[in-house]
Amino acid sequence: MKKEIVRYSAILILVILIGLFVYPTVYKYDKLEQKYPVRINRITGNTEVLRNNGWIDVDATQSEIDKVRSEVDTDFKEFKKQLTQEVINSVKTDVVNSLQKDISASEKRIRIV
């Protein structure tokens, strides 16, 4: 009888310990875009994404994304200005060359006549 009480008590304690420390774990795991592992703290709600350099807080990741987006926008605007100027210069050069050829041809015709 005493062995049975100890046995059932041990099983009950084991089940309680498993319930407390193993399931549910502190983190809930998921995937972002079916690519990046994500873990969500069940208590605090803090969300982290696993990247090459370890677990990164989602808020930090979002600020990094915003920073890179801002840099790309700035670079794109500068590139757009440069490209526009290059196209304008190229068209200007082509038009001037064409006009010079037309003027030269017209001057030759005038001299002939």
C-alpha atoms as a PDB file:
ATOM      1  CA  MET A   1       0.000   0.000   0.000  1.00  0.00           C
ATOM      2  CA  LYS A   2       2.784   2.407   0.905  1.00  0.00           C
ATOM      3  CA  LYS A   3       4.631   1.555  -2.337  1.00  0.00           C
ATOM      4  CA  GLU A   4       1.524   2.364  -4.372  1.00  0.00           C
ATOM      5  CA  ILE A   5       1.100   5.771  -2.679  1.00  0.00           C
ATOM      6  CA  VAL A   6       4.762   6.611  -3.313  1.00  0.00           C
ATOM      7  CA  ARG A   7       4.459   5.402  -6.879  1.00  0.00           C
ATOM      8  CA  TYR A   8       1.288   7.414  -7.630  1.00  0.00           C
ATOM      9  CA  SER A   9       2.702  10.458  -5.857  1.00  0.00           C
ATOM     10  CA  ALA A  10       5.900  10.238  -7.937  1.00  0.00           C
ATOM     11  CA  ILE A  11       3.870   9.934 -11.145  1.00  0.00           C
ATOM     12  CA  LEU A  12       1.691  12.892 -10.108  1.00  0.00           C
ATOM     13  CA  ILE A  13       4.738  15.036  -9.280  1.00  0.00           C
ATOM     14  CA  LEU A  14       6.358  14.023 -12.574  1.00  0.00           C
ATOM     15  CA  VAL A  15       3.238  14.995 -14.542  1.00  0.00           C
ATOM     16  CA  ILE A  16       3.076  18.351 -12.708  1.00  0.00           C
ATOM     17  CA  LEU A  17       6.766  19.049 -13.368  1.00  0.00           C
ATOM     18  CA  ILE A  18       6.398  18.165 -17.065  1.00  0.00           C
ATOM     19  CA  GLY A  19       3.346  20.440 -17.267  1.00  0.00           C
ATOM     20  CA  LEU A  20       5.222  23.309 -15.653  1.00  0.00           C
ATOM     21  CA  PHE A  21       8.638  23.054 -17.284  1.00  0.00           C
ATOM     22  CA  VAL A  22       8.253  21.189 -20.555  1.00  0.00           C
ATOM     23  CA  TYR A  23       4.814  21.885 -21.966  1.00  0.00           C
ATOM     24  CA  PRO A  24       3.892  24.553 -22.738  1.00  0.00           C
ATOM     25  CA  THR A  25       7.323  26.025 -23.154  1.00  0.00           C
ATOM     26  CA  VAL A  26       7.913  29.698 -22.611  1.00  0.00           C
ATOM     27  CA  TYR A  27       8.254  30.167 -26.368  1.00  0.00           C
ATOM     28  CA  LYS A  28       5.824  29.395 -29.150  1.00  0.00           C
ATOM     29  CA  TYR A  29       7.649  28.681 -32.422  1.00  0.00           C
ATOM     30  CA  ASP A  30       6.424  29.562 -35.904  1.00  0.00           C
ATOM     31  CA  LYS A  31       7.831  30.498 -39.316  1.00  0.00           C
ATOM     32  CA  LEU A  32       7.877  33.855 -41.089  1.00  0.00           C
ATOM     33  CA  GLU A  33       7.191  33.563 -44.834  1.00  0.00           C
ATOM     34  CA  GLN A  34       7.876  29.826 -44.524  1.00  0.00           C
ATOM     35  CA  LYS A  35      11.562  30.740 -44.309  1.00  0.00           C
ATOM     36  CA  TYR A  36      12.624  32.349 -41.045  1.00  0.00           C
ATOM     37  CA  PRO A  37      12.017  30.691 -37.661  1.00  0.00           C
ATOM     38  CA  VAL A  38      10.108  32.916 -35.244  1.00  0.00           C
ATOM     39  CA  ARG A  39       9.723  32.527 -31.508  1.00  0.00           C
ATOM     40  CA  ILE A  40       7.096  34.296 -29.441  1.00  0.00           C
ATOM     41  CA  ASN A  41       7.422  34.576 -25.677  1.00  0.00           C
ATOM     42  CA  ARG A  42       4.088  33.368 -24.283  1.00  0.00           C
ATOM     43  CA  ILE A  43       4.415  35.546 -21.181  1.00  0.00           C
ATOM     44  CA  THR A  44       5.715  38.881 -22.530  1.00  0.00           C
ATOM     45  CA  GLY A  45       4.596  38.587 -26.166  1.00  0.00           C
ATOM     46  CA  ASN A  46       8.102  39.547 -27.324  1.00  0.00           C
ATOM     47  CA  THR A  47       8.684  38.260 -30.855  1.00  0.00           C
ATOM     48  CA  GLU A  48      12.102  37.359 -32.256  1.00  0.00           C
ATOM     49  CA  VAL A  49      13.257  36.169 -35.682  1.00  0.00           C
ATOM     50  CA  LEU A  50      16.234  33.858 -36.179  1.00  0.00           C
ATOM     51  CA  ARG A  51      18.787  35.352 -38.564  1.00  0.00           C
ATOM     52  CA  ASN A  52      22.439  34.595 -39.326  1.00  0.00           C
ATOM     53  CA  ASN A  53      23.616  36.485 -36.245  1.00  0.00           C
ATOM     54  CA  GLY A  54      21.109  34.918 -33.821  1.00  0.00           C
ATOM     55  CA  TRP A  55      17.670  35.793 -32.489  1.00  0.00           C
ATOM     56  CA  ILE A  56      16.767  39.402 -33.371  1.00  0.00           C
ATOM     57  CA  ASP A  57      13.874  41.306 -31.839  1.00  0.00           C
ATOM     58  CA  VAL A  58      11.184  42.083 -34.432  1.00  0.00           C
ATOM     59  CA  ASP A  59      11.109  45.760 -33.458  1.00  0.00           C
ATOM     60  CA  ALA A  60      14.866  45.998 -34.043  1.00  0.00           C
ATOM     61  CA  THR A  61      14.440  44.194 -37.354  1.00  0.00           C
ATOM     62  CA  GLN A  62      11.724  46.644 -38.427  1.00  0.00           C
ATOM     63  CA  SER A  63      13.917  49.644 -37.590  1.00  0.00           C
ATOM     64  CA  GLU A  64      16.765  48.099 -39.598  1.00  0.00           C
ATOM     65  CA  ILE A  65      14.404  47.574 -42.519  1.00  0.00           C
ATOM     66  CA  ASP A  66      13.235  51.201 -42.304  1.00  0.00           C
ATOM     67  CA  LYS A  67      16.847  52.414 -42.198  1.00  0.00           C
ATOM     68  CA  VAL A  68      17.834  50.361 -45.252  1.00  0.00           C
ATOM     69  CA  ARG A  69      14.671  51.469 -47.083  1.00  0.00           C
ATOM     70  CA  SER A  70      15.539  55.107 -46.391  1.00  0.00           C
ATOM     71  CA  GLU A  71      19.088  54.616 -47.664  1.00  0.00           C
ATOM     72  CA  VAL A  72      17.836  52.863 -50.794  1.00  0.00           C
ATOM     73  CA  ASP A  73      15.303  55.651 -51.439  1.00  0.00           C
ATOM     74  CA  THR A  74      18.039  58.278 -51.110  1.00  0.00           C
ATOM     75  CA  ASP A  75      20.376  56.331 -53.403  1.00  0.00           C
ATOM     76  CA  PHE A  76      17.571  55.801 -55.925  1.00  0.00           C
ATOM     77  CA  LYS A  77      16.708  59.505 -56.009  1.00  0.00           C
ATOM     78  CA  GLU A  78      20.362  60.394 -56.575  1.00  0.00           C
ATOM     79  CA  PHE A  79      20.666  57.737 -59.298  1.00  0.00           C
ATOM     80  CA  LYS A  80      17.486  59.028 -60.929  1.00  0.00           C
ATOM     81  CA  LYS A  81      18.893  62.579 -60.993  1.00  0.00           C
ATOM     82  CA  GLN A  82      22.165  61.381 -62.512  1.00  0.00           C
ATOM     83  CA  LEU A  83      20.421  59.227 -65.089  1.00  0.00           C
ATOM     84  CA  THR A  84      18.065  62.061 -66.051  1.00  0.00           C
ATOM     85  CA  GLN A  85      20.996  64.428 -66.508  1.00  0.00           C
ATOM     86  CA  GLU A  86      22.903  61.863 -68.588  1.00  0.00           C
ATOM     87  CA  VAL A  87      19.877  61.288 -70.840  1.00  0.00           C
ATOM     88  CA  ILE A  88      19.351  65.042 -71.251  1.00  0.00           C
ATOM     89  CA  ASN A  89      23.024  65.542 -72.128  1.00  0.00           C
ATOM     90  CA  SER A  90      22.971  62.632 -74.567  1.00  0.00           C
ATOM     91  CA  VAL A  91      19.837  63.898 -76.329  1.00  0.00           C
ATOM     92  CA  LYS A  92      21.252  67.433 -76.366  1.00  0.00           C
ATOM     93  CA  THR A  93      24.486  66.186 -77.927  1.00  0.00           C
ATOM     94  CA  ASP A  94      22.584  64.168 -80.552  1.00  0.00           C
ATOM     95  CA  VAL A  95      20.339  67.126 -81.420  1.00  0.00           C
ATOM     96  CA  VAL A  96      23.271  69.544 -81.645  1.00  0.00           C
ATOM     97  CA  ASN A  97      25.247  67.124 -83.841  1.00  0.00           C
ATOM     98  CA  SER A  98      22.231  66.573 -86.071  1.00  0.00           C
ATOM     99  CA  LEU A  99      21.638  70.310 -86.389  1.00  0.00           C
ATOM    100  CA  GLN A 100      25.294  70.911 -87.186  1.00  0.00           C
ATOM    101  CA  LYS A 101      25.158  68.282 -89.923  1.00  0.00           C
ATOM    102  CA  ASP A 102      21.972  69.828 -91.322  1.00  0.00           C
ATOM    103  CA  ILE A 103      23.518  73.299 -91.242  1.00  0.00           C
ATOM    104  CA  SER A 104      26.675  72.036 -92.963  1.00  0.00           C
ATOM    105  CA  ALA A 105      24.620  70.295 -95.631  1.00  0.00           C
ATOM    106  CA  SER A 106      22.515  73.423 -96.140  1.00  0.00           C
ATOM    107  CA  GLU A 107      25.627  75.606 -96.426  1.00  0.00           C
ATOM    108  CA  LYS A 108      27.060  73.261 -99.070  1.00  0.00           C
ATOM    109  CA  ARG A 109      23.827  73.449-101.049  1.00  0.00           C
ATOM    110  CA  ILE A 110      23.788  77.246-100.781  1.00  0.00           C
ATOM    111  CA  ARG A 111      27.407  77.430-102.034  1.00  0.00           C
ATOM    112  CA  ILE A 112      26.610  75.152-104.950  1.00  0.00           C
ATOM    113  CA  VAL A 113      23.681  77.216-106.025  1.00  0.00           C
END
